[in-house]
Amino acid sequence: MDVWLILTRYGGEVLLTSLSGSGLGERRWQLPGGPPEAGERTLNTALRHARESADLTVAEPDLRLATVVYWHDARGVSRIGLFYAADHDSSTMGDPHISWPHERATLKWAPRGLLPMGIDPVCAAGIGLARRGVSCAVLGPHGDITCETSVNPPPCATMAI
């Protein structure tokens, strides 16, 4: 399981991180996030990764479960990703900056409609699904959406994703 944070500002810019030393030969962009620690609630995982990746203090009430994505990784292992969303408020969360430079190369705000080359396809799908109010989706082998479903109202209907 992976947990990601879709943090937006100014009506739609999304905070992205790039991993240094990824071994991919190119910059790999993704949302702040990763796996939960043993016994950790997924909400706390999202809060921890906001703090570890971008030195942001996000409060639990600021988070909403935006979408859930199921896919198979490169080894064929089934994976589930939970995408939480929050609107950035610098007065309470602070401004993002690199907090662990040995792990993260850089941070940037990207317009949700113009995500950079090299973005992780699961993160890109999560951003798009949350923006459209899709509750759950299955990704195919090339990052294409093969199945999706929504609840009414969408969980992030009031957010600027």
N, C-alpha and C. Protein backbone atom coordinates (compact mmCIF):
# COMPACT_ATOMS: atom_id res chain seq x y z
N MET A 1 0.85 -1.17 0.00
CA MET A 1 0.00 0.00 0.00
C MET A 1 0.89 1.23 0.00
N ASP A 2 0.44 2.23 -0.72
CA ASP A 2 1.09 3.54 -0.74
C ASP A 2 0.05 4.59 -0.40
N VAL A 3 0.51 5.66 0.22
CA VAL A 3 -0.36 6.78 0.60
C VAL A 3 0.27 8.05 0.05
N TRP A 4 -0.50 8.82 -0.70
CA TRP A 4 0.00 10.06 -1.28
C TRP A 4 -0.86 11.24 -0.86
N LEU A 5 -0.24 12.42 -0.91
CA LEU A 5 -0.92 13.67 -0.59
C LEU A 5 -0.98 14.54 -1.83
N ILE A 6 -2.21 14.87 -2.25
CA ILE A 6 -2.42 15.83 -3.33
C ILE A 6 -2.64 17.17 -2.66
N LEU A 7 -1.59 17.98 -2.60
CA LEU A 7 -1.66 19.29 -1.97
C LEU A 7 -1.77 20.33 -3.08
N THR A 8 -2.85 21.11 -3.06
CA THR A 8 -3.07 22.08 -4.13
C THR A 8 -3.04 23.50 -3.59
N ARG A 9 -2.74 24.43 -4.48
CA ARG A 9 -2.81 25.86 -4.16
C ARG A 9 -3.27 26.60 -5.41
N TYR A 10 -3.70 27.84 -5.19
CA TYR A 10 -4.09 28.73 -6.29
C TYR A 10 -5.03 28.07 -7.29
N GLY A 11 -5.98 27.33 -6.80
CA GLY A 11 -6.98 26.76 -7.68
C GLY A 11 -6.50 25.63 -8.55
N GLY A 12 -5.38 24.99 -8.21
CA GLY A 12 -5.05 23.82 -8.99
C GLY A 12 -3.60 23.46 -9.14
N GLU A 13 -2.64 24.29 -8.71
CA GLU A 13 -1.26 23.84 -8.76
C GLU A 13 -1.07 22.73 -7.73
N VAL A 14 -0.32 21.71 -8.10
CA VAL A 14 -0.11 20.54 -7.26
C VAL A 14 1.36 20.48 -6.86
N LEU A 15 1.62 20.20 -5.57
CA LEU A 15 2.99 20.07 -5.10
C LEU A 15 3.56 18.72 -5.49
N LEU A 16 4.72 18.74 -6.15
CA LEU A 16 5.41 17.52 -6.57
C LEU A 16 6.81 17.48 -5.98
N THR A 17 7.33 16.30 -5.79
CA THR A 17 8.71 16.10 -5.34
C THR A 17 9.42 15.27 -6.40
N SER A 18 10.73 15.44 -6.46
CA SER A 18 11.50 14.55 -7.34
C SER A 18 12.51 13.82 -6.49
N LEU A 19 12.68 12.56 -6.78
CA LEU A 19 13.60 11.72 -6.03
C LEU A 19 15.00 11.83 -6.60
N SER A 20 15.96 12.00 -5.74
CA SER A 20 17.34 11.96 -6.19
C SER A 20 17.83 10.52 -6.09
N GLY A 21 18.76 10.19 -6.93
CA GLY A 21 19.32 8.84 -6.87
C GLY A 21 18.33 7.75 -7.20
N SER A 22 17.33 8.06 -8.06
CA SER A 22 16.32 7.06 -8.37
C SER A 22 16.85 5.99 -9.32
N GLY A 23 17.97 6.28 -9.99
CA GLY A 23 18.53 5.31 -10.91
C GLY A 23 17.76 5.20 -12.21
N LEU A 24 16.84 6.13 -12.45
CA LEU A 24 16.01 6.06 -13.66
C LEU A 24 16.62 6.85 -14.81
N GLY A 25 17.68 7.62 -14.54
CA GLY A 25 18.32 8.38 -15.60
C GLY A 25 17.61 9.67 -15.95
N GLU A 26 16.48 9.91 -15.37
CA GLU A 26 15.75 11.15 -15.60
C GLU A 26 15.06 11.53 -14.29
N ARG A 27 14.66 12.78 -14.22
CA ARG A 27 13.96 13.22 -13.02
C ARG A 27 12.61 12.51 -12.94
N ARG A 28 12.31 11.96 -11.80
CA ARG A 28 11.04 11.24 -11.59
C ARG A 28 10.22 12.04 -10.59
N TRP A 29 9.11 12.59 -11.04
CA TRP A 29 8.25 13.40 -10.20
C TRP A 29 7.16 12.54 -9.58
N GLN A 30 6.81 12.86 -8.36
CA GLN A 30 5.70 12.18 -7.70
C GLN A 30 5.12 13.10 -6.63
N LEU A 31 4.01 12.68 -6.08
CA LEU A 31 3.41 13.39 -4.96
C LEU A 31 4.16 13.04 -3.68
N PRO A 32 4.12 13.89 -2.66
CA PRO A 32 4.66 13.48 -1.37
C PRO A 32 3.91 12.23 -0.89
N GLY A 33 4.64 11.22 -0.51
CA GLY A 33 3.97 10.01 -0.05
C GLY A 33 4.87 8.81 -0.04
N GLY A 34 4.29 7.69 0.33
CA GLY A 34 5.02 6.44 0.41
C GLY A 34 4.24 5.45 1.27
N PRO A 35 4.88 4.38 1.66
CA PRO A 35 4.18 3.35 2.44
C PRO A 35 4.01 3.75 3.89
N PRO A 36 2.97 3.21 4.53
CA PRO A 36 2.82 3.44 5.97
C PRO A 36 3.86 2.63 6.75
N GLU A 37 4.20 3.13 7.92
CA GLU A 37 5.05 2.37 8.83
C GLU A 37 4.17 1.35 9.55
N ALA A 38 4.77 0.35 10.15
CA ALA A 38 4.02 -0.70 10.84
C ALA A 38 3.06 -0.09 11.86
N GLY A 39 1.77 -0.43 11.73
CA GLY A 39 0.76 0.04 12.67
C GLY A 39 0.30 1.46 12.47
N GLU A 40 0.80 2.15 11.47
CA GLU A 40 0.47 3.55 11.24
C GLU A 40 -0.85 3.69 10.49
N ARG A 41 -1.73 4.57 10.96
CA ARG A 41 -2.97 4.88 10.23
C ARG A 41 -2.61 5.60 8.94
N THR A 42 -3.39 5.38 7.89
CA THR A 42 -3.07 5.99 6.61
C THR A 42 -3.14 7.52 6.66
N LEU A 43 -4.05 8.08 7.44
CA LEU A 43 -4.07 9.54 7.61
C LEU A 43 -2.74 10.03 8.17
N ASN A 44 -2.22 9.32 9.16
CA ASN A 44 -0.95 9.71 9.76
C ASN A 44 0.21 9.55 8.77
N THR A 45 0.09 8.57 7.87
CA THR A 45 1.11 8.39 6.84
C THR A 45 1.15 9.63 5.95
N ALA A 46 -0.01 10.11 5.52
CA ALA A 46 -0.07 11.31 4.68
C ALA A 46 0.52 12.51 5.42
N LEU A 47 0.17 12.67 6.69
CA LEU A 47 0.69 13.78 7.48
C LEU A 47 2.22 13.68 7.63
N ARG A 48 2.71 12.46 7.88
CA ARG A 48 4.15 12.26 8.05
C ARG A 48 4.91 12.58 6.77
N HIS A 49 4.39 12.12 5.63
CA HIS A 49 5.09 12.38 4.37
C HIS A 49 5.06 13.85 3.99
N ALA A 50 4.01 14.58 4.35
CA ALA A 50 4.00 16.03 4.14
C ALA A 50 5.13 16.67 4.94
N ARG A 51 5.30 16.21 6.16
CA ARG A 51 6.35 16.75 7.03
C ARG A 51 7.73 16.33 6.54
N GLU A 52 7.91 15.05 6.21
CA GLU A 52 9.22 14.56 5.81
C GLU A 52 9.64 15.05 4.42
N SER A 53 8.70 15.13 3.50
CA SER A 53 9.04 15.50 2.12
C SER A 53 9.16 17.00 1.91
N ALA A 54 8.30 17.77 2.59
CA ALA A 54 8.23 19.20 2.28
C ALA A 54 8.21 20.09 3.52
N ASP A 55 8.43 19.52 4.70
CA ASP A 55 8.46 20.25 5.96
C ASP A 55 7.16 21.04 6.18
N LEU A 56 6.03 20.42 5.84
CA LEU A 56 4.72 21.05 6.01
C LEU A 56 3.99 20.44 7.20
N THR A 57 3.29 21.28 7.93
CA THR A 57 2.48 20.83 9.06
C THR A 57 1.03 20.82 8.62
N VAL A 58 0.56 19.68 8.16
CA VAL A 58 -0.82 19.53 7.71
C VAL A 58 -1.59 18.90 8.87
N ALA A 59 -2.76 19.44 9.17
CA ALA A 59 -3.59 18.90 10.25
C ALA A 59 -4.55 17.85 9.70
N GLU A 60 -4.84 16.86 10.51
CA GLU A 60 -5.73 15.78 10.09
C GLU A 60 -7.07 16.27 9.55
N PRO A 61 -7.71 17.29 10.17
CA PRO A 61 -9.00 17.76 9.62
C PRO A 61 -8.89 18.38 8.22
N ASP A 62 -7.66 18.75 7.79
CA ASP A 62 -7.48 19.33 6.46
C ASP A 62 -7.50 18.29 5.36
N LEU A 63 -7.36 17.00 5.72
CA LEU A 63 -7.26 15.94 4.73
C LEU A 63 -8.61 15.34 4.38
N ARG A 64 -8.77 15.00 3.11
CA ARG A 64 -9.94 14.28 2.63
C ARG A 64 -9.44 13.13 1.77
N LEU A 65 -10.05 11.96 1.91
CA LEU A 65 -9.71 10.86 1.02
C LEU A 65 -10.26 11.19 -0.36
N ALA A 66 -9.37 11.35 -1.33
CA ALA A 66 -9.77 11.80 -2.66
C ALA A 66 -10.09 10.66 -3.61
N THR A 67 -9.23 9.65 -3.63
CA THR A 67 -9.44 8.52 -4.54
C THR A 67 -8.57 7.34 -4.10
N VAL A 68 -8.94 6.17 -4.59
CA VAL A 68 -8.19 4.93 -4.34
C VAL A 68 -7.87 4.34 -5.70
N VAL A 69 -6.63 3.91 -5.88
CA VAL A 69 -6.19 3.35 -7.15
C VAL A 69 -5.59 1.97 -6.91
N TYR A 70 -5.97 1.03 -7.78
CA TYR A 70 -5.44 -0.34 -7.75
C TYR A 70 -4.66 -0.54 -9.04
N TRP A 71 -3.46 -1.13 -8.94
CA TRP A 71 -2.64 -1.40 -10.11
C TRP A 71 -1.66 -2.52 -9.80
N HIS A 72 -0.93 -2.96 -10.82
CA HIS A 72 0.15 -3.94 -10.65
C HIS A 72 1.47 -3.22 -10.91
N ASP A 73 2.44 -3.41 -10.02
CA ASP A 73 3.73 -2.76 -10.23
C ASP A 73 4.54 -3.51 -11.30
N ALA A 74 5.76 -3.06 -11.53
CA ALA A 74 6.59 -3.63 -12.60
C ALA A 74 6.88 -5.11 -12.40
N ARG A 75 6.79 -5.59 -11.15
CA ARG A 75 7.03 -7.01 -10.87
C ARG A 75 5.74 -7.82 -10.95
N GLY A 76 4.61 -7.15 -11.23
CA GLY A 76 3.33 -7.83 -11.30
C GLY A 76 2.62 -7.96 -9.96
N VAL A 77 3.13 -7.28 -8.95
CA VAL A 77 2.54 -7.34 -7.61
C VAL A 77 1.37 -6.36 -7.53
N SER A 78 0.24 -6.83 -6.99
CA SER A 78 -0.93 -5.98 -6.82
C SER A 78 -0.64 -4.89 -5.80
N ARG A 79 -1.04 -3.65 -6.11
CA ARG A 79 -0.80 -2.52 -5.23
C ARG A 79 -2.08 -1.70 -5.09
N ILE A 80 -2.21 -1.05 -3.94
CA ILE A 80 -3.31 -0.13 -3.70
C ILE A 80 -2.71 1.19 -3.25
N GLY A 81 -3.21 2.28 -3.79
CA GLY A 81 -2.76 3.61 -3.39
C GLY A 81 -3.93 4.43 -2.90
N LEU A 82 -3.76 5.03 -1.74
CA LEU A 82 -4.76 5.95 -1.20
C LEU A 82 -4.25 7.37 -1.43
N PHE A 83 -5.09 8.20 -2.02
CA PHE A 83 -4.73 9.58 -2.31
C PHE A 83 -5.56 10.50 -1.44
N TYR A 84 -4.90 11.17 -0.49
CA TYR A 84 -5.55 12.18 0.33
C TYR A 84 -5.31 13.54 -0.31
N ALA A 85 -6.22 14.46 -0.11
CA ALA A 85 -6.09 15.78 -0.69
C ALA A 85 -6.28 16.85 0.37
N ALA A 86 -5.61 17.99 0.16
CA ALA A 86 -5.74 19.15 1.04
C ALA A 86 -5.41 20.39 0.24
N ASP A 87 -6.02 21.51 0.60
CA ASP A 87 -5.67 22.80 0.02
C ASP A 87 -4.57 23.41 0.86
N HIS A 88 -3.51 23.90 0.21
CA HIS A 88 -2.38 24.48 0.93
C HIS A 88 -2.76 25.82 1.54
N ASP A 89 -2.46 25.98 2.81
CA ASP A 89 -2.66 27.23 3.53
C ASP A 89 -1.34 27.55 4.24
N SER A 90 -0.57 28.47 3.67
CA SER A 90 0.76 28.74 4.22
C SER A 90 0.71 29.32 5.62
N SER A 91 -0.42 29.92 6.02
CA SER A 91 -0.50 30.50 7.36
C SER A 91 -0.56 29.41 8.45
N THR A 92 -1.06 28.24 8.12
CA THR A 92 -1.13 27.16 9.11
C THR A 92 -0.17 26.01 8.80
N MET A 93 0.14 25.78 7.53
CA MET A 93 0.98 24.64 7.14
C MET A 93 2.44 25.02 6.94
N GLY A 94 2.70 26.30 6.70
CA GLY A 94 4.04 26.72 6.32
C GLY A 94 4.20 26.63 4.81
N ASP A 95 5.37 27.05 4.32
CA ASP A 95 5.67 26.95 2.90
C ASP A 95 6.57 25.75 2.67
N PRO A 96 6.32 25.00 1.60
CA PRO A 96 7.10 23.79 1.38
C PRO A 96 8.56 24.11 1.07
N HIS A 97 9.44 23.33 1.64
CA HIS A 97 10.85 23.36 1.26
C HIS A 97 11.44 21.97 1.53
N ILE A 98 12.58 21.73 0.93
CA ILE A 98 13.21 20.42 1.03
C ILE A 98 13.66 20.21 2.47
N SER A 99 13.14 19.17 3.09
CA SER A 99 13.49 18.92 4.48
C SER A 99 14.50 17.78 4.62
N TRP A 100 14.59 16.89 3.64
CA TRP A 100 15.55 15.79 3.67
C TRP A 100 16.32 15.79 2.35
N PRO A 101 17.28 16.70 2.17
CA PRO A 101 17.93 16.84 0.86
C PRO A 101 18.64 15.58 0.38
N HIS A 102 18.98 14.67 1.28
CA HIS A 102 19.63 13.44 0.82
C HIS A 102 18.64 12.49 0.15
N GLU A 103 17.33 12.74 0.31
CA GLU A 103 16.32 11.88 -0.32
C GLU A 103 15.56 12.58 -1.43
N ARG A 104 15.32 13.87 -1.31
CA ARG A 104 14.53 14.60 -2.30
C ARG A 104 15.41 15.61 -3.02
N ALA A 105 15.37 15.60 -4.32
CA ALA A 105 16.18 16.53 -5.08
C ALA A 105 15.55 17.92 -5.12
N THR A 106 14.25 17.98 -5.31
CA THR A 106 13.61 19.29 -5.43
C THR A 106 12.11 19.16 -5.22
N LEU A 107 11.48 20.30 -4.99
CA LEU A 107 10.02 20.41 -4.89
C LEU A 107 9.58 21.43 -5.92
N LYS A 108 8.38 21.25 -6.45
CA LYS A 108 7.83 22.28 -7.33
C LYS A 108 6.32 22.20 -7.37
N TRP A 109 5.71 23.34 -7.63
CA TRP A 109 4.27 23.42 -7.86
C TRP A 109 4.06 23.30 -9.37
N ALA A 110 3.19 22.42 -9.78
CA ALA A 110 2.91 22.21 -11.20
C ALA A 110 1.42 22.38 -11.46
N PRO A 111 1.05 23.06 -12.53
CA PRO A 111 -0.37 23.15 -12.88
C PRO A 111 -0.92 21.75 -13.12
N ARG A 112 -2.08 21.46 -12.54
CA ARG A 112 -2.61 20.10 -12.63
C ARG A 112 -2.88 19.67 -14.07
N GLY A 113 -3.09 20.62 -14.96
CA GLY A 113 -3.33 20.28 -16.36
C GLY A 113 -2.04 20.17 -17.18
N LEU A 114 -0.90 20.52 -16.59
CA LEU A 114 0.38 20.47 -17.28
C LEU A 114 1.42 19.77 -16.40
N LEU A 115 1.15 18.54 -16.05
CA LEU A 115 2.07 17.80 -15.21
C LEU A 115 3.36 17.54 -15.99
N PRO A 116 4.50 17.55 -15.31
CA PRO A 116 5.79 17.44 -16.02
C PRO A 116 6.04 16.06 -16.60
N MET A 117 6.92 16.03 -17.58
CA MET A 117 7.40 14.75 -18.12
C MET A 117 8.06 13.99 -16.98
N GLY A 118 7.96 12.70 -16.99
CA GLY A 118 8.61 11.90 -15.97
C GLY A 118 7.81 11.77 -14.69
N ILE A 119 6.55 12.20 -14.70
CA ILE A 119 5.75 12.03 -13.48
C ILE A 119 5.36 10.57 -13.34
N ASP A 120 5.38 10.07 -12.12
CA ASP A 120 4.96 8.71 -11.85
C ASP A 120 3.54 8.51 -12.39
N PRO A 121 3.29 7.49 -13.22
CA PRO A 121 1.97 7.33 -13.83
C PRO A 121 0.85 7.09 -12.83
N VAL A 122 1.14 6.44 -11.71
CA VAL A 122 0.11 6.23 -10.70
C VAL A 122 -0.26 7.55 -10.04
N CYS A 123 0.75 8.38 -9.74
CA CYS A 123 0.47 9.70 -9.17
C CYS A 123 -0.31 10.57 -10.15
N ALA A 124 0.07 10.54 -11.43
CA ALA A 124 -0.66 11.30 -12.43
C ALA A 124 -2.11 10.85 -12.50
N ALA A 125 -2.33 9.54 -12.46
CA ALA A 125 -3.70 9.02 -12.48
C ALA A 125 -4.46 9.46 -11.25
N GLY A 126 -3.84 9.39 -10.07
CA GLY A 126 -4.50 9.81 -8.83
C GLY A 126 -4.92 11.27 -8.86
N ILE A 127 -4.05 12.14 -9.39
CA ILE A 127 -4.37 13.56 -9.51
C ILE A 127 -5.57 13.75 -10.42
N GLY A 128 -5.55 13.11 -11.58
CA GLY A 128 -6.65 13.25 -12.53
C GLY A 128 -7.96 12.68 -12.01
N LEU A 129 -7.89 11.53 -11.36
CA LEU A 129 -9.10 10.90 -10.83
C LEU A 129 -9.70 11.76 -9.72
N ALA A 130 -8.87 12.26 -8.82
CA ALA A 130 -9.36 13.11 -7.73
C ALA A 130 -9.99 14.38 -8.28
N ARG A 131 -9.37 14.95 -9.29
CA ARG A 131 -9.90 16.17 -9.91
C ARG A 131 -11.29 15.95 -10.50
N ARG A 132 -11.50 14.76 -11.04
CA ARG A 132 -12.80 14.43 -11.66
C ARG A 132 -13.80 13.87 -10.67
N GLY A 133 -13.39 13.68 -9.41
CA GLY A 133 -14.30 13.15 -8.40
C GLY A 133 -14.51 11.65 -8.48
N VAL A 134 -13.56 10.93 -9.07
CA VAL A 134 -13.65 9.48 -9.18
C VAL A 134 -13.15 8.86 -7.88
N SER A 135 -13.97 8.03 -7.27
CA SER A 135 -13.65 7.46 -5.97
C SER A 135 -12.64 6.34 -6.03
N CYS A 136 -12.71 5.51 -7.07
CA CYS A 136 -11.88 4.32 -7.14
C CYS A 136 -11.64 3.97 -8.60
N ALA A 137 -10.42 3.51 -8.92
CA ALA A 137 -10.11 3.14 -10.30
C ALA A 137 -9.09 2.02 -10.32
N VAL A 138 -9.09 1.30 -11.43
CA VAL A 138 -8.10 0.26 -11.71
C VAL A 138 -7.28 0.73 -12.90
N LEU A 139 -5.95 0.66 -12.77
CA LEU A 139 -5.07 1.06 -13.86
C LEU A 139 -4.60 -0.17 -14.61
N GLY A 140 -4.51 -0.02 -15.92
CA GLY A 140 -3.98 -1.08 -16.76
C GLY A 140 -2.46 -1.05 -16.77
N PRO A 141 -1.83 -1.91 -17.56
CA PRO A 141 -0.37 -2.03 -17.55
C PRO A 141 0.37 -0.80 -18.06
N HIS A 142 -0.28 0.08 -18.77
CA HIS A 142 0.38 1.28 -19.30
C HIS A 142 -0.12 2.54 -18.62
N GLY A 143 -0.72 2.40 -17.44
CA GLY A 143 -1.22 3.55 -16.70
C GLY A 143 -2.59 4.02 -17.18
N ASP A 144 -3.19 3.27 -18.10
CA ASP A 144 -4.51 3.62 -18.60
C ASP A 144 -5.58 3.15 -17.60
N ILE A 145 -6.64 3.90 -17.49
CA ILE A 145 -7.72 3.56 -16.57
C ILE A 145 -8.62 2.53 -17.23
N THR A 146 -8.73 1.36 -16.61
CA THR A 146 -9.53 0.29 -17.20
C THR A 146 -10.90 0.19 -16.55
N CYS A 147 -11.06 0.75 -15.35
CA CYS A 147 -12.33 0.68 -14.64
C CYS A 147 -12.35 1.80 -13.61
N GLU A 148 -13.48 2.48 -13.47
CA GLU A 148 -13.59 3.52 -12.45
C GLU A 148 -15.01 3.59 -11.93
N THR A 149 -15.15 4.12 -10.72
CA THR A 149 -16.46 4.29 -10.11
C THR A 149 -16.44 5.54 -9.26
N SER A 150 -17.59 6.14 -9.06
CA SER A 150 -17.71 7.36 -8.27
C SER A 150 -18.85 7.23 -7.29
N VAL A 151 -18.74 7.94 -6.18
CA VAL A 151 -19.84 8.06 -5.24
C VAL A 151 -20.45 9.43 -5.44
N ASN A 152 -21.65 9.62 -4.94
CA ASN A 152 -22.31 10.90 -5.10
C ASN A 152 -22.64 11.44 -3.72
N PRO A 153 -22.13 12.59 -3.30
CA PRO A 153 -21.22 13.46 -4.05
C PRO A 153 -19.79 12.95 -3.97
N PRO A 154 -18.93 13.39 -4.92
CA PRO A 154 -17.54 12.97 -4.87
C PRO A 154 -16.89 13.45 -3.57
N PRO A 155 -15.91 12.68 -3.05
CA PRO A 155 -15.31 13.05 -1.76
C PRO A 155 -14.60 14.39 -1.77
N CYS A 156 -14.14 14.85 -2.92
CA CYS A 156 -13.41 16.13 -2.97
C CYS A 156 -14.17 17.16 -3.79
N ALA A 157 -15.48 17.10 -3.79
CA ALA A 157 -16.28 17.99 -4.63
C ALA A 157 -16.02 19.47 -4.34
N THR A 158 -15.64 19.79 -3.11
CA THR A 158 -15.42 21.19 -2.77
C THR A 158 -13.97 21.61 -2.84
N MET A 159 -13.08 20.70 -3.20
CA MET A 159 -11.66 21.03 -3.23
C MET A 159 -11.22 21.46 -4.61
N ALA A 160 -10.19 22.28 -4.67
CA ALA A 160 -9.68 22.82 -5.94
C ALA A 160 -8.60 21.93 -6.52
N ILE A 161 -8.92 20.66 -6.71
CA ILE A 161 -7.94 19.73 -7.26
C ILE A 161 -7.93 19.85 -8.76
